[in-house]
Structure formats: structure tokens, C-alpha cells
Amino acid sequence: MAFIDTIPARWATGETFEMYERQQRHYGYVPSYATVFSHRPEVIRRWAELLAAIKRPMGKRRFELATFAAAHELKSTLCTLAHGKALLEFFSAADVIALARGETPPSITPAEAALMRFARAVARDASSITAGDVAQLKTNGFSDAEVFDIAAVAAGRAFFTKVIESLGAASDGPLEALDPELRAALAVGRPIQFAEPDRLDEPEFRAAG
């Protein structure tokens, strides 16, 4: 249950309905984080556009590692759960648990470890980053443009996590299917609170009011 009153899917109209519809087409339901944007659906639309631009030049594995590192540093259980699950496409559950514990499993390359350290530093305190930190990334093969990409991922995640965490968005019920040990390792901030996701009415999904 969010800390603010949100607009249920059955009452959604206009831009809020359209936003919920986009979310449901992607996930199969309206995720909890989307509902906290229900009073300002244009903000999540702009966020989606920004996120797409940030992700475009990055491979998925690199994006997910940077996002996970930033979300973990920001203590967002919701985002760490979601992106920890996404990392299972590339790593074993044991390796994701190790990452959540601050360890570096053998499946992580030195360049990826450097990427994660930098993303964490951006999320923790961007003003503490030095030219030497950037130089360290570049010695691991990252170009200036790629350094920008990592910084943008971490900075963007800070915006998103601070909105959804401050407004009490719950984790979506389907994430409860994750292995219990993995779930526990990914609960880095607020205790996990699963919520049954809302859904728009069928069929397809209904005409906007």
C-alpha cells in the first residue's frame, strides 16, 4: 500500500489510463511503482523516454549491472529485487546473491567490477568522484561516452528510486516467486512488502474514459 492515495486501474481515465495500459502491455499487469505516478502520468512518460535514451547505447548486461549497483547503494529493495531478477539472465542466483553481499564472483569481469564500483559511487555521493576514478574506468576499456552512460544510469536510478521509495511503492506479487534466499539477499532497504498487482479490465483493456 502506497503512502499516498493512488488511482485504481478501474477508475483510471485519460493519460493515467494510457500509462497503465502501456505498463500492462509490458508486464501483464499494472506494477505498483506505476500507481504512485497516477496523479502525474506525464512524469513517468518522460522518465520512460529518458530511460530509453540512456539504455540505447548500452548492452543489456552492462545496463543491468550498473542499475543493480546503483539501486543497491540507494537501498531500494524494490529496484534491487527487479534488477536482481533481470541479472538471472546472465548470472546464477548464487552470483547475484554474492553481488548483493558486495562480493565479486568470478563471472564478473574486471571491467564490469569497475563499472559497478563507479555506479555505486555516483549513487552514494557524486561529488566525491575524482578524475582518477574516471581514469580508472578508462583503463578498463571504457570510452568517454561509455563513462557518461554509466553515470547517467546511476543518476537516473537515483531519481526513480527516491520517488517510488519515498511514496511507499510495494514490490509486485510475481517477484514473490523468486528463491527465498535470493529475495532475502536483495532486501537491502525497506522490508519486502508484496502487493497483488492491479489490472485494467479486459478486453484490450477497455476504452479510456
Protein backbone atom coordinates (compact mmCIF):
# COMPACT_ATOMS: atom_id res chain seq x y z
CA MET A 1 0.00 0.00 0.00
CA ALA A 2 1.50 3.31 -1.09
CA PHE A 3 1.75 6.20 1.34
CA ILE A 4 -0.43 8.34 -0.94
CA ASP A 5 -3.86 7.57 -2.37
CA THR A 6 -3.35 6.35 -5.92
CA ILE A 7 -5.82 5.91 -8.77
CA PRO A 8 -7.01 2.29 -9.10
CA ALA A 9 -6.96 0.82 -12.60
CA ARG A 10 -10.76 0.56 -12.64
CA TRP A 11 -11.04 4.34 -12.17
CA ALA A 12 -8.24 5.40 -14.49
CA THR A 13 -9.04 7.77 -17.33
CA GLY A 14 -7.14 9.91 -19.81
CA GLU A 15 -3.34 9.95 -19.51
CA THR A 16 -3.41 7.80 -16.38
CA PHE A 17 -5.33 5.08 -18.21
CA GLU A 18 -2.94 5.30 -21.16
CA MET A 19 0.04 4.99 -18.81
CA TYR A 20 -1.50 1.97 -17.07
CA GLU A 21 -2.25 0.43 -20.46
CA ARG A 22 1.39 0.75 -21.55
CA GLN A 23 2.53 -0.82 -18.30
CA GLN A 24 0.08 -3.71 -18.54
CA ARG A 25 1.05 -4.44 -22.14
CA HIS A 26 4.66 -4.76 -20.98
CA TYR A 27 4.25 -6.61 -17.67
CA GLY A 28 0.83 -8.22 -17.95
CA TYR A 29 -0.38 -6.09 -15.02
CA VAL A 30 -0.06 -2.56 -13.65
CA PRO A 31 3.05 -2.57 -11.43
CA SER A 32 2.92 -0.93 -8.03
CA TYR A 33 5.57 1.65 -8.92
CA ALA A 34 3.40 2.93 -11.78
CA THR A 35 0.47 3.65 -9.48
CA VAL A 36 2.45 6.22 -7.47
CA PHE A 37 2.75 8.23 -10.70
CA SER A 38 -1.01 8.05 -11.29
CA HIS A 39 -1.59 11.73 -10.44
CA ARG A 40 1.25 12.84 -12.74
CA PRO A 41 1.36 10.29 -15.58
CA GLU A 42 3.30 12.68 -17.80
CA VAL A 43 6.28 12.35 -15.44
CA ILE A 44 6.59 8.59 -15.88
CA ARG A 45 6.14 9.04 -19.63
CA ARG A 46 9.06 11.47 -19.69
CA TRP A 47 11.06 9.14 -17.43
CA ALA A 48 10.46 6.25 -19.83
CA GLU A 49 11.71 8.40 -22.71
CA LEU A 50 14.82 9.38 -20.74
CA LEU A 51 15.47 5.80 -19.66
CA ALA A 52 15.18 4.57 -23.23
CA ALA A 53 17.73 7.17 -24.35
CA ILE A 54 20.10 6.20 -21.52
CA LYS A 55 19.80 2.47 -22.29
CA ARG A 56 20.08 2.72 -26.06
CA PRO A 57 23.90 2.76 -26.37
CA MET A 58 24.45 0.10 -23.67
CA GLY A 59 24.24 -3.65 -23.81
CA LYS A 60 21.61 -5.15 -21.53
CA ARG A 61 24.12 -6.90 -19.27
CA ARG A 62 26.09 -3.70 -18.70
CA PHE A 63 22.90 -1.69 -18.10
CA GLU A 64 21.56 -4.19 -15.58
CA LEU A 65 24.84 -4.33 -13.65
CA ALA A 66 25.05 -0.55 -13.42
CA THR A 67 21.39 -0.27 -12.44
CA PHE A 68 21.67 -3.02 -9.83
CA ALA A 69 24.75 -1.41 -8.30
CA ALA A 70 23.07 1.99 -8.08
CA ALA A 71 19.78 0.60 -6.74
CA HIS A 72 21.63 -1.47 -4.15
CA GLU A 73 23.66 1.55 -3.00
CA LEU A 74 20.45 3.61 -2.81
CA LYS A 75 18.89 0.87 -0.65
CA SER A 76 15.89 0.43 -2.91
CA THR A 77 14.56 -3.05 -2.20
CA LEU A 78 12.00 -2.75 -4.99
CA CYS A 79 14.57 -1.88 -7.69
CA THR A 80 17.20 -4.29 -6.36
CA LEU A 81 14.63 -7.10 -6.48
CA ALA A 82 13.54 -6.25 -10.01
CA HIS A 83 17.04 -5.82 -11.42
CA GLY A 84 18.45 -8.71 -9.41
CA LYS A 85 15.85 -10.85 -11.16
CA ALA A 86 16.90 -9.36 -14.52
CA LEU A 87 20.52 -10.33 -13.81
CA LEU A 88 19.47 -14.01 -13.67
CA GLU A 89 19.51 -13.85 -17.47
CA PHE A 90 23.31 -13.55 -17.26
CA PHE A 91 24.34 -14.94 -13.85
CA SER A 92 23.43 -17.73 -11.47
CA ALA A 93 21.33 -16.99 -8.41
CA ALA A 94 24.43 -17.64 -6.27
CA ASP A 95 26.34 -14.98 -8.19
CA VAL A 96 23.52 -12.44 -7.82
CA ILE A 97 23.43 -13.16 -4.08
CA ALA A 98 27.19 -12.57 -3.98
CA LEU A 99 26.75 -9.23 -5.76
CA ALA A 100 24.08 -8.26 -3.23
CA ARG A 101 26.59 -9.01 -0.47
CA GLY A 102 29.17 -6.73 -2.05
CA GLU A 103 31.29 -9.59 -3.36
CA THR A 104 32.71 -10.02 -6.87
CA PRO A 105 32.01 -13.50 -8.23
CA PRO A 106 34.34 -14.95 -10.91
CA SER A 107 31.65 -14.45 -13.56
CA ILE A 108 32.13 -10.66 -13.29
CA THR A 109 34.92 -9.29 -15.48
CA PRO A 110 37.37 -6.69 -14.12
CA ALA A 111 35.74 -4.08 -16.37
CA GLU A 112 32.29 -4.95 -15.01
CA ALA A 113 33.58 -4.75 -11.45
CA ALA A 114 34.95 -1.27 -12.21
CA LEU A 115 31.62 -0.28 -13.75
CA MET A 116 29.74 -1.36 -10.64
CA ARG A 117 32.12 0.48 -8.30
CA PHE A 118 31.67 3.65 -10.30
CA ALA A 119 27.87 3.33 -10.44
CA ARG A 120 27.81 2.82 -6.67
CA ALA A 121 29.98 5.89 -6.15
CA VAL A 122 27.70 8.03 -8.31
CA ALA A 123 24.64 6.85 -6.36
CA ARG A 124 26.36 7.30 -3.00
CA ASP A 125 27.98 10.72 -3.46
CA ALA A 126 28.66 12.02 -6.95
CA SER A 127 30.59 14.98 -5.55
CA SER A 128 33.23 12.62 -4.17
CA ILE A 129 34.17 11.26 -7.61
CA THR A 130 37.53 12.38 -8.90
CA ALA A 131 39.25 12.47 -12.28
CA GLY A 132 41.21 9.48 -11.03
CA ASP A 133 38.01 7.47 -10.64
CA VAL A 134 37.10 8.21 -14.26
CA ALA A 135 40.65 7.39 -15.36
CA GLN A 136 40.33 4.02 -13.63
CA LEU A 137 37.24 3.27 -15.69
CA LYS A 138 39.07 4.23 -18.86
CA THR A 139 41.98 1.92 -18.04
CA ASN A 140 39.37 -0.85 -18.04
CA GLY A 141 38.50 -0.06 -21.64
CA PHE A 142 35.59 2.37 -21.26
CA SER A 143 35.42 5.33 -23.63
CA ASP A 144 34.42 8.82 -22.53
CA ALA A 145 30.95 8.23 -23.96
CA GLU A 146 30.64 4.96 -22.05
CA VAL A 147 31.70 6.64 -18.81
CA PHE A 148 28.86 9.11 -19.40
CA ASP A 149 26.47 6.20 -19.94
CA ILE A 150 27.35 4.63 -16.58
CA ALA A 151 26.98 7.95 -14.76
CA ALA A 152 23.62 8.58 -16.46
CA VAL A 153 22.30 5.14 -15.47
CA ALA A 154 23.24 5.65 -11.82
CA ALA A 155 21.96 9.24 -11.69
CA GLY A 156 18.70 8.30 -13.39
CA ARG A 157 18.18 5.44 -10.95
CA ALA A 158 18.59 7.88 -8.08
CA PHE A 159 15.65 9.91 -9.37
CA PHE A 160 13.44 6.89 -9.83
CA THR A 161 14.21 5.15 -6.55
CA LYS A 162 13.77 8.28 -4.49
CA VAL A 163 10.30 8.86 -5.95
CA ILE A 164 9.00 5.33 -5.51
CA GLU A 165 10.65 4.68 -2.14
CA SER A 166 9.51 7.96 -0.60
CA LEU A 167 5.94 7.22 -1.69
CA GLY A 168 5.93 3.64 -0.42
CA ALA A 169 5.56 1.64 -3.63
CA ALA A 170 5.31 -2.08 -2.83
CA SER A 171 7.05 -4.92 -4.64
CA ASP A 172 4.86 -6.71 -7.17
CA GLY A 173 3.40 -10.09 -6.25
CA PRO A 174 5.07 -12.00 -9.12
CA LEU A 175 8.51 -11.25 -7.59
CA GLU A 176 7.49 -13.40 -4.62
CA ALA A 177 8.26 -16.41 -6.85
CA LEU A 178 11.99 -15.68 -6.55
CA ASP A 179 14.07 -18.10 -4.48
CA PRO A 180 13.69 -17.13 -0.78
CA GLU A 181 17.46 -16.89 -0.23
CA LEU A 182 17.78 -14.59 -3.22
CA ARG A 183 14.82 -12.48 -2.06
CA ALA A 184 16.37 -12.08 1.37
CA ALA A 185 19.72 -11.00 -0.09
CA LEU A 186 18.01 -8.42 -2.30
CA ALA A 187 16.04 -6.83 0.57
CA VAL A 188 18.58 -4.04 1.03
CA GLY A 189 16.35 -1.28 2.36
CA ARG A 190 12.67 -1.25 3.21
CA PRO A 191 11.40 -4.72 4.24
CA ILE A 192 9.76 -6.54 1.34
CA GLN A 193 6.04 -5.92 1.11
CA PHE A 194 4.43 -7.73 -1.78
CA ALA A 195 1.19 -6.41 -3.24
CA GLU A 196 -1.14 -8.16 -5.65
CA PRO A 197 -0.80 -6.08 -8.83
CA ASP A 198 -3.73 -4.12 -10.20
CA ARG A 199 -5.02 -4.84 -13.70
CA LEU A 200 -7.08 -3.00 -16.25
CA ASP A 201 -10.36 -4.58 -17.22
CA GLU A 202 -10.41 -6.81 -20.27
CA PRO A 203 -10.79 -6.76 -23.21
CA GLU A 204 -7.85 -4.82 -24.58
CA PHE A 205 -8.19 -3.36 -21.96
CA ARG A 206 -11.18 -1.05 -22.21
CA ALA A 207 -11.90 2.30 -23.79
CA ALA A 208 -10.35 5.20 -21.95
CA GLY A 209 -12.88 7.42 -20.24
